[in-house]
Amino acid sequence: DAYRIIRERCIGCGLCVSTCPSEAIRLVHKGPDKIA
């Protein structure tokens, strides 16, 4: 019923966020334990 993100492939650039007409996409900040 909707599109989904394959998280392992996502580079967090936000291009998808900037063009979503329904504002359904957002960038989520990774937790400190996931940030290198």
ModelCIF file with pLDDT and N, C-alpha, C, O atoms, coordinates in Angstrom:
data_MODEL
#
_entry.id   MODEL 
#
_entity.id                         1 
_entity.type                       polymer 
_entity.pdbx_number_of_molecules   1 
#
_entity_poly.entity_id                      1 
_entity_poly.type                           'polypeptide(L)' 
_entity_poly.nstd_linkage                   no 
_entity_poly.nstd_monomer                   no 
_entity_poly.pdbx_seq_one_letter_code       DAYRIIRERCIGCGLCVSTCPSEAIRLVHKGPDKIA 
_entity_poly.pdbx_seq_one_letter_code_can   DAYRIIRERCIGCGLCVSTCPSEAIRLVHKGPDKIA 
_entity_poly.pdbx_strand_id                 A 
#
loop_
_entity_poly_seq.entity_id 
_entity_poly_seq.num 
_entity_poly_seq.mon_id 
_entity_poly_seq.hetero 
1 1  ASP n 
1 2  ALA n 
1 3  TYR n 
1 4  ARG n 
1 5  ILE n 
1 6  ILE n 
1 7  ARG n 
1 8  GLU n 
1 9  ARG n 
1 10 CYS n 
1 11 ILE n 
1 12 GLY n 
1 13 CYS n 
1 14 GLY n 
1 15 LEU n 
1 16 CYS n 
1 17 VAL n 
1 18 SER n 
1 19 THR n 
1 20 CYS n 
1 21 PRO n 
1 22 SER n 
1 23 GLU n 
1 24 ALA n 
1 25 ILE n 
1 26 ARG n 
1 27 LEU n 
1 28 VAL n 
1 29 HIS n 
1 30 LYS n 
1 31 GLY n 
1 32 PRO n 
1 33 ASP n 
1 34 LYS n 
1 35 ILE n 
1 36 ALA n 
#
_struct_asym.id          A 
_struct_asym.entity_id   1 
#
loop_
_ma_qa_metric.id 
_ma_qa_metric.mode 
_ma_qa_metric.name 
_ma_qa_metric.software_group_id 
_ma_qa_metric.type 
1 global pLDDT . pLDDT 
2 local  pLDDT . pLDDT 
#
_ma_qa_metric_global.metric_id      1 
_ma_qa_metric_global.metric_value   90.58 
_ma_qa_metric_global.model_id       1 
_ma_qa_metric_global.ordinal_id     1 
#
loop_
_ma_qa_metric_local.label_asym_id 
_ma_qa_metric_local.label_comp_id 
_ma_qa_metric_local.label_seq_id 
_ma_qa_metric_local.metric_id 
_ma_qa_metric_local.metric_value 
_ma_qa_metric_local.model_id 
_ma_qa_metric_local.ordinal_id 
A ASP 1  2 91.00 1 1  
A ALA 2  2 95.00 1 2  
A TYR 3  2 97.00 1 3  
A ARG 4  2 96.00 1 4  
A ILE 5  2 95.00 1 5  
A ILE 6  2 92.00 1 6  
A ARG 7  2 88.00 1 7  
A GLU 8  2 85.00 1 8  
A ARG 9  2 87.00 1 9  
A CYS 10 2 91.00 1 10 
A ILE 11 2 88.00 1 11 
A GLY 12 2 89.00 1 12 
A CYS 13 2 88.00 1 13 
A GLY 14 2 90.00 1 14 
A LEU 15 2 90.00 1 15 
A CYS 16 2 94.00 1 16 
A VAL 17 2 94.00 1 17 
A SER 18 2 91.00 1 18 
A THR 19 2 93.00 1 19 
A CYS 20 2 96.00 1 20 
A PRO 21 2 96.00 1 21 
A SER 22 2 97.00 1 22 
A GLU 23 2 97.00 1 23 
A ALA 24 2 97.00 1 24 
A ILE 25 2 97.00 1 25 
A ARG 26 2 96.00 1 26 
A LEU 27 2 94.00 1 27 
A VAL 28 2 94.00 1 28 
A HIS 29 2 92.00 1 29 
A LYS 30 2 88.00 1 30 
A GLY 31 2 85.00 1 31 
A PRO 32 2 83.00 1 32 
A ASP 33 2 84.00 1 33 
A LYS 34 2 81.00 1 34 
A ILE 35 2 76.00 1 35 
A ALA 36 2 74.00 1 36 
#
loop_
_atom_site.group_PDB 
_atom_site.id 
_atom_site.type_symbol 
_atom_site.label_atom_id 
_atom_site.label_alt_id 
_atom_site.label_comp_id 
_atom_site.label_asym_id 
_atom_site.label_entity_id 
_atom_site.label_seq_id 
_atom_site.pdbx_PDB_ins_code 
_atom_site.Cartn_x 
_atom_site.Cartn_y 
_atom_site.Cartn_z 
_atom_site.occupancy 
_atom_site.B_iso_or_equiv 
_atom_site.pdbx_formal_charge 
_atom_site.auth_seq_id 
_atom_site.auth_comp_id 
_atom_site.auth_asym_id 
_atom_site.auth_atom_id 
_atom_site.pdbx_PDB_model_num 
ATOM 1   N N  . ASP A 1 1  ? 0.806  -1.223 0.000  1.00 91.00 ? 1  ASP A N  1 
ATOM 2   C CA . ASP A 1 1  ? 0.000  0.000  0.000  1.00 91.00 ? 1  ASP A CA 1 
ATOM 3   C C  . ASP A 1 1  ? 0.841  1.276  0.000  1.00 91.00 ? 1  ASP A C  1 
ATOM 4   O O  . ASP A 1 1  ? 0.318  2.362  -0.250 1.00 91.00 ? 1  ASP A O  1 
ATOM 5   N N  . ALA A 1 2  ? 2.117  1.155  0.274  1.00 95.00 ? 2  ALA A N  1 
ATOM 6   C CA . ALA A 1 2  ? 2.997  2.323  0.376  1.00 95.00 ? 2  ALA A CA 1 
ATOM 7   C C  . ALA A 1 2  ? 4.418  1.904  0.023  1.00 95.00 ? 2  ALA A C  1 
ATOM 8   O O  . ALA A 1 2  ? 4.730  0.715  -0.049 1.00 95.00 ? 2  ALA A O  1 
ATOM 9   N N  . TYR A 1 3  ? 5.263  2.886  -0.192 1.00 97.00 ? 3  TYR A N  1 
ATOM 10  C CA . TYR A 1 3  ? 6.671  2.602  -0.435 1.00 97.00 ? 3  TYR A CA 1 
ATOM 11  C C  . TYR A 1 3  ? 7.365  2.408  0.908  1.00 97.00 ? 3  TYR A C  1 
ATOM 12  O O  . TYR A 1 3  ? 6.862  2.837  1.946  1.00 97.00 ? 3  TYR A O  1 
ATOM 13  N N  . ARG A 1 4  ? 8.525  1.756  0.876  1.00 96.00 ? 4  ARG A N  1 
ATOM 14  C CA . ARG A 1 4  ? 9.278  1.537  2.119  1.00 96.00 ? 4  ARG A CA 1 
ATOM 15  C C  . ARG A 1 4  ? 10.762 1.717  1.859  1.00 96.00 ? 4  ARG A C  1 
ATOM 16  O O  . ARG A 1 4  ? 11.231 1.577  0.730  1.00 96.00 ? 4  ARG A O  1 
ATOM 17  N N  . ILE A 1 5  ? 11.486 2.026  2.911  1.00 95.00 ? 5  ILE A N  1 
ATOM 18  C CA . ILE A 1 5  ? 12.934 2.245  2.866  1.00 95.00 ? 5  ILE A CA 1 
ATOM 19  C C  . ILE A 1 5  ? 13.655 0.953  3.196  1.00 95.00 ? 5  ILE A C  1 
ATOM 20  O O  . ILE A 1 5  ? 13.324 0.287  4.176  1.00 95.00 ? 5  ILE A O  1 
ATOM 21  N N  . ILE A 1 6  ? 14.634 0.596  2.388  1.00 92.00 ? 6  ILE A N  1 
ATOM 22  C CA . ILE A 1 6  ? 15.550 -0.503 2.730  1.00 92.00 ? 6  ILE A CA 1 
ATOM 23  C C  . ILE A 1 6  ? 16.668 0.179  3.519  1.00 92.00 ? 6  ILE A C  1 
ATOM 24  O O  . ILE A 1 6  ? 17.596 0.740  2.936  1.00 92.00 ? 6  ILE A O  1 
ATOM 25  N N  . ARG A 1 7  ? 16.573 0.125  4.816  1.00 88.00 ? 7  ARG A N  1 
ATOM 26  C CA . ARG A 1 7  ? 17.430 0.932  5.690  1.00 88.00 ? 7  ARG A CA 1 
ATOM 27  C C  . ARG A 1 7  ? 18.923 0.700  5.472  1.00 88.00 ? 7  ARG A C  1 
ATOM 28  O O  . ARG A 1 7  ? 19.710 1.640  5.580  1.00 88.00 ? 7  ARG A O  1 
ATOM 29  N N  . GLU A 1 8  ? 19.323 -0.521 5.169  1.00 85.00 ? 8  GLU A N  1 
ATOM 30  C CA . GLU A 1 8  ? 20.746 -0.830 4.971  1.00 85.00 ? 8  GLU A CA 1 
ATOM 31  C C  . GLU A 1 8  ? 21.318 -0.109 3.755  1.00 85.00 ? 8  GLU A C  1 
ATOM 32  O O  . GLU A 1 8  ? 22.529 0.096  3.676  1.00 85.00 ? 8  GLU A O  1 
ATOM 33  N N  . ARG A 1 9  ? 20.479 0.273  2.821  1.00 87.00 ? 9  ARG A N  1 
ATOM 34  C CA . ARG A 1 9  ? 20.943 0.956  1.609  1.00 87.00 ? 9  ARG A CA 1 
ATOM 35  C C  . ARG A 1 9  ? 20.845 2.472  1.723  1.00 87.00 ? 9  ARG A C  1 
ATOM 36  O O  . ARG A 1 9  ? 21.462 3.192  0.938  1.00 87.00 ? 9  ARG A O  1 
ATOM 37  N N  . CYS A 1 10 ? 20.081 2.961  2.684  1.00 91.00 ? 10 CYS A N  1 
ATOM 38  C CA . CYS A 1 10 ? 19.823 4.400  2.802  1.00 91.00 ? 10 CYS A CA 1 
ATOM 39  C C  . CYS A 1 10 ? 21.094 5.144  3.229  1.00 91.00 ? 10 CYS A C  1 
ATOM 40  O O  . CYS A 1 10 ? 21.766 4.756  4.185  1.00 91.00 ? 10 CYS A O  1 
ATOM 41  N N  . ILE A 1 11 ? 21.407 6.223  2.499  1.00 88.00 ? 11 ILE A N  1 
ATOM 42  C CA . ILE A 1 11 ? 22.578 7.033  2.829  1.00 88.00 ? 11 ILE A CA 1 
ATOM 43  C C  . ILE A 1 11 ? 22.205 8.299  3.593  1.00 88.00 ? 11 ILE A C  1 
ATOM 44  O O  . ILE A 1 11 ? 23.080 9.105  3.910  1.00 88.00 ? 11 ILE A O  1 
ATOM 45  N N  . GLY A 1 12 ? 20.940 8.486  3.889  1.00 89.00 ? 12 GLY A N  1 
ATOM 46  C CA . GLY A 1 12 ? 20.506 9.618  4.704  1.00 89.00 ? 12 GLY A CA 1 
ATOM 47  C C  . GLY A 1 12 ? 20.653 10.973 4.054  1.00 89.00 ? 12 GLY A C  1 
ATOM 48  O O  . GLY A 1 12 ? 20.836 11.973 4.747  1.00 89.00 ? 12 GLY A O  1 
ATOM 49  N N  . CYS A 1 13 ? 20.578 11.029 2.733  1.00 88.00 ? 13 CYS A N  1 
ATOM 50  C CA . CYS A 1 13 ? 20.803 12.300 2.031  1.00 88.00 ? 13 CYS A CA 1 
ATOM 51  C C  . CYS A 1 13 ? 19.605 13.240 2.084  1.00 88.00 ? 13 CYS A C  1 
ATOM 52  O O  . CYS A 1 13 ? 19.777 14.457 2.019  1.00 88.00 ? 13 CYS A O  1 
ATOM 53  N N  . GLY A 1 14 ? 18.401 12.701 2.201  1.00 90.00 ? 14 GLY A N  1 
ATOM 54  C CA . GLY A 1 14 ? 17.208 13.524 2.292  1.00 90.00 ? 14 GLY A CA 1 
ATOM 55  C C  . GLY A 1 14 ? 16.589 13.944 0.975  1.00 90.00 ? 14 GLY A C  1 
ATOM 56  O O  . GLY A 1 14 ? 15.624 14.709 0.972  1.00 90.00 ? 14 GLY A O  1 
ATOM 57  N N  . LEU A 1 15 ? 17.113 13.466 -0.148 1.00 90.00 ? 15 LEU A N  1 
ATOM 58  C CA . LEU A 1 15 ? 16.522 13.837 -1.433 1.00 90.00 ? 15 LEU A CA 1 
ATOM 59  C C  . LEU A 1 15 ? 15.067 13.382 -1.531 1.00 90.00 ? 15 LEU A C  1 
ATOM 60  O O  . LEU A 1 15 ? 14.237 14.078 -2.117 1.00 90.00 ? 15 LEU A O  1 
ATOM 61  N N  . CYS A 1 16 ? 14.761 12.242 -0.972 1.00 94.00 ? 16 CYS A N  1 
ATOM 62  C CA . CYS A 1 16 ? 13.388 11.741 -1.017 1.00 94.00 ? 16 CYS A CA 1 
ATOM 63  C C  . CYS A 1 16 ? 12.455 12.637 -0.197 1.00 94.00 ? 16 CYS A C  1 
ATOM 64  O O  . CYS A 1 16 ? 11.306 12.865 -0.577 1.00 94.00 ? 16 CYS A O  1 
ATOM 65  N N  . VAL A 1 17 ? 12.957 13.133 0.916  1.00 94.00 ? 17 VAL A N  1 
ATOM 66  C CA . VAL A 1 17 ? 12.161 14.008 1.791  1.00 94.00 ? 17 VAL A CA 1 
ATOM 67  C C  . VAL A 1 17 ? 11.763 15.275 1.056  1.00 94.00 ? 17 VAL A C  1 
ATOM 68  O O  . VAL A 1 17 ? 10.627 15.736 1.162  1.00 94.00 ? 17 VAL A O  1 
ATOM 69  N N  . SER A 1 18 ? 12.698 15.830 0.316  1.00 91.00 ? 18 SER A N  1 
ATOM 70  C CA . SER A 1 18 ? 12.467 17.120 -0.333 1.00 91.00 ? 18 SER A CA 1 
ATOM 71  C C  . SER A 1 18 ? 11.473 17.068 -1.482 1.00 91.00 ? 18 SER A C  1 
ATOM 72  O O  . SER A 1 18 ? 11.013 18.117 -1.934 1.00 91.00 ? 18 SER A O  1 
ATOM 73  N N  . THR A 1 19 ? 11.130 15.891 -1.963 1.00 93.00 ? 19 THR A N  1 
ATOM 74  C CA . THR A 1 19 ? 10.217 15.815 -3.107 1.00 93.00 ? 19 THR A CA 1 
ATOM 75  C C  . THR A 1 19 ? 8.941  15.033 -2.828 1.00 93.00 ? 19 THR A C  1 
ATOM 76  O O  . THR A 1 19 ? 8.137  14.836 -3.740 1.00 93.00 ? 19 THR A O  1 
ATOM 77  N N  . CYS A 1 20 ? 8.736  14.591 -1.623 1.00 96.00 ? 20 CYS A N  1 
ATOM 78  C CA . CYS A 1 20 ? 7.530  13.824 -1.304 1.00 96.00 ? 20 CYS A CA 1 
ATOM 79  C C  . CYS A 1 20 ? 6.330  14.774 -1.228 1.00 96.00 ? 20 CYS A C  1 
ATOM 80  O O  . CYS A 1 20 ? 6.266  15.613 -0.329 1.00 96.00 ? 20 CYS A O  1 
ATOM 81  N N  . PRO A 1 21 ? 5.377  14.651 -2.164 1.00 96.00 ? 21 PRO A N  1 
ATOM 82  C CA . PRO A 1 21 ? 4.238  15.570 -2.173 1.00 96.00 ? 21 PRO A CA 1 
ATOM 83  C C  . PRO A 1 21 ? 3.298  15.404 -0.974 1.00 96.00 ? 21 PRO A C  1 
ATOM 84  O O  . PRO A 1 21 ? 2.572  16.333 -0.622 1.00 96.00 ? 21 PRO A O  1 
ATOM 85  N N  . SER A 1 22 ? 3.309  14.233 -0.354 1.00 97.00 ? 22 SER A N  1 
ATOM 86  C CA . SER A 1 22 ? 2.424  14.006 0.792  1.00 97.00 ? 22 SER A CA 1 
ATOM 87  C C  . SER A 1 22 ? 3.138  14.150 2.134  1.00 97.00 ? 22 SER A C  1 
ATOM 88  O O  . SER A 1 22 ? 2.561  13.881 3.188  1.00 97.00 ? 22 SER A O  1 
ATOM 89  N N  . GLU A 1 23 ? 4.408  14.579 2.083  1.00 97.00 ? 23 GLU A N  1 
ATOM 90  C CA . GLU A 1 23 ? 5.220  14.776 3.298  1.00 97.00 ? 23 GLU A CA 1 
ATOM 91  C C  . GLU A 1 23 ? 5.223  13.533 4.191  1.00 97.00 ? 23 GLU A C  1 
ATOM 92  O O  . GLU A 1 23 ? 5.130  13.624 5.415  1.00 97.00 ? 23 GLU A O  1 
ATOM 93  N N  . ALA A 1 24 ? 5.331  12.377 3.548  1.00 97.00 ? 24 ALA A N  1 
ATOM 94  C CA . ALA A 1 24 ? 5.318  11.108 4.269  1.00 97.00 ? 24 ALA A CA 1 
ATOM 95  C C  . ALA A 1 24 ? 6.710  10.644 4.689  1.00 97.00 ? 24 ALA A C  1 
ATOM 96  O O  . ALA A 1 24 ? 6.840  9.684  5.447  1.00 97.00 ? 24 ALA A O  1 
ATOM 97  N N  . ILE A 1 25 ? 7.750  11.321 4.200  1.00 97.00 ? 25 ILE A N  1 
ATOM 98  C CA . ILE A 1 25 ? 9.117  10.872 4.473  1.00 97.00 ? 25 ILE A CA 1 
ATOM 99  C C  . ILE A 1 25 ? 9.813  11.872 5.373  1.00 97.00 ? 25 ILE A C  1 
ATOM 100 O O  . ILE A 1 25 ? 9.666  13.084 5.211  1.00 97.00 ? 25 ILE A O  1 
ATOM 101 N N  . ARG A 1 26 ? 10.567 11.355 6.314  1.00 96.00 ? 26 ARG A N  1 
ATOM 102 C CA . ARG A 1 26 ? 11.357 12.217 7.191  1.00 96.00 ? 26 ARG A CA 1 
ATOM 103 C C  . ARG A 1 26 ? 12.710 11.563 7.431  1.00 96.00 ? 26 ARG A C  1 
ATOM 104 O O  . ARG A 1 26 ? 12.864 10.349 7.290  1.00 96.00 ? 26 ARG A O  1 
ATOM 105 N N  . LEU A 1 27 ? 13.682 12.380 7.794  1.00 94.00 ? 27 LEU A N  1 
ATOM 106 C CA . LEU A 1 27 ? 14.987 11.854 8.182  1.00 94.00 ? 27 LEU A CA 1 
ATOM 107 C C  . LEU A 1 27 ? 14.971 11.620 9.685  1.00 94.00 ? 27 LEU A C  1 
ATOM 108 O O  . LEU A 1 27 ? 14.505 12.458 10.458 1.00 94.00 ? 27 LEU A O  1 
ATOM 109 N N  . VAL A 1 28 ? 15.487 10.475 10.077 1.00 94.00 ? 28 VAL A N  1 
ATOM 110 C CA . VAL A 1 28 ? 15.555 10.103 11.484 1.00 94.00 ? 28 VAL A CA 1 
ATOM 111 C C  . VAL A 1 28 ? 17.021 10.097 11.890 1.00 94.00 ? 28 VAL A C  1 
ATOM 112 O O  . VAL A 1 28 ? 17.863 9.520  11.202 1.00 94.00 ? 28 VAL A O  1 
ATOM 113 N N  . HIS A 1 29 ? 17.317 10.737 13.004 1.00 92.00 ? 29 HIS A N  1 
ATOM 114 C CA . HIS A 1 29 ? 18.690 10.757 13.519 1.00 92.00 ? 29 HIS A CA 1 
ATOM 115 C C  . HIS A 1 29 ? 18.996 9.413  14.163 1.00 92.00 ? 29 HIS A C  1 
ATOM 116 O O  . HIS A 1 29 ? 18.252 8.939  15.021 1.00 92.00 ? 29 HIS A O  1 
ATOM 117 N N  . LYS A 1 30 ? 20.092 8.808  13.742 1.00 88.00 ? 30 LYS A N  1 
ATOM 118 C CA . LYS A 1 30 ? 20.515 7.536  14.320 1.00 88.00 ? 30 LYS A CA 1 
ATOM 119 C C  . LYS A 1 30 ? 20.902 7.745  15.775 1.00 88.00 ? 30 LYS A C  1 
ATOM 120 O O  . LYS A 1 30 ? 21.305 8.839  16.169 1.00 88.00 ? 30 LYS A O  1 
ATOM 121 N N  . GLY A 1 31 ? 20.781 6.708  16.553 1.00 85.00 ? 31 GLY A N  1 
ATOM 122 C CA . GLY A 1 31 ? 21.207 6.776  17.946 1.00 85.00 ? 31 GLY A CA 1 
ATOM 123 C C  . GLY A 1 31 ? 22.720 6.839  18.035 1.00 85.00 ? 31 GLY A C  1 
ATOM 124 O O  . GLY A 1 31 ? 23.415 6.434  17.103 1.00 85.00 ? 31 GLY A O  1 
ATOM 125 N N  . PRO A 1 32 ? 23.241 7.346  19.154 1.00 83.00 ? 32 PRO A N  1 
ATOM 126 C CA . PRO A 1 32 ? 24.700 7.490  19.315 1.00 83.00 ? 32 PRO A CA 1 
ATOM 127 C C  . PRO A 1 32 ? 25.471 6.192  19.118 1.00 83.00 ? 32 PRO A C  1 
ATOM 128 O O  . PRO A 1 32 ? 26.612 6.209  18.656 1.00 83.00 ? 32 PRO A O  1 
ATOM 129 N N  . ASP A 1 33 ? 24.850 5.064  19.467 1.00 84.00 ? 33 ASP A N  1 
ATOM 130 C CA . ASP A 1 33 ? 25.517 3.773  19.309 1.00 84.00 ? 33 ASP A CA 1 
ATOM 131 C C  . ASP A 1 33 ? 25.600 3.321  17.856 1.00 84.00 ? 33 ASP A C  1 
ATOM 132 O O  . ASP A 1 33 ? 26.327 2.377  17.545 1.00 84.00 ? 33 ASP A O  1 
ATOM 133 N N  . LYS A 1 34 ? 24.869 3.977  16.966 1.00 81.00 ? 34 LYS A N  1 
ATOM 134 C CA . LYS A 1 34 ? 24.868 3.623  15.543 1.00 81.00 ? 34 LYS A CA 1 
ATOM 135 C C  . LYS A 1 34 ? 25.674 4.608  14.688 1.00 81.00 ? 34 LYS A C  1 
ATOM 136 O O  . LYS A 1 34 ? 25.793 4.431  13.476 1.00 81.00 ? 34 LYS A O  1 
ATOM 137 N N  . ILE A 1 35 ? 26.217 5.629  15.316 1.00 76.00 ? 35 ILE A N  1 
ATOM 138 C CA . ILE A 1 35 ? 26.954 6.651  14.576 1.00 76.00 ? 35 ILE A CA 1 
ATOM 139 C C  . ILE A 1 35 ? 28.454 6.405  14.715 1.00 76.00 ? 35 ILE A C  1 
ATOM 140 O O  . ILE A 1 35 ? 28.987 6.365  15.825 1.00 76.00 ? 35 ILE A O  1 
ATOM 141 N N  . ALA A 1 36 ? 29.119 6.244  13.592 1.00 74.00 ? 36 ALA A N  1 
ATOM 142 C CA . ALA A 1 36 ? 30.570 6.054  13.588 1.00 74.00 ? 36 ALA A CA 1 
ATOM 143 C C  . ALA A 1 36 ? 31.241 7.422  13.495 1.00 74.00 ? 36 ALA A C  1 
ATOM 144 O O  . ALA A 1 36 ? 32.468 7.508  13.476 1.00 74.00 ? 36 ALA A O  1 
#
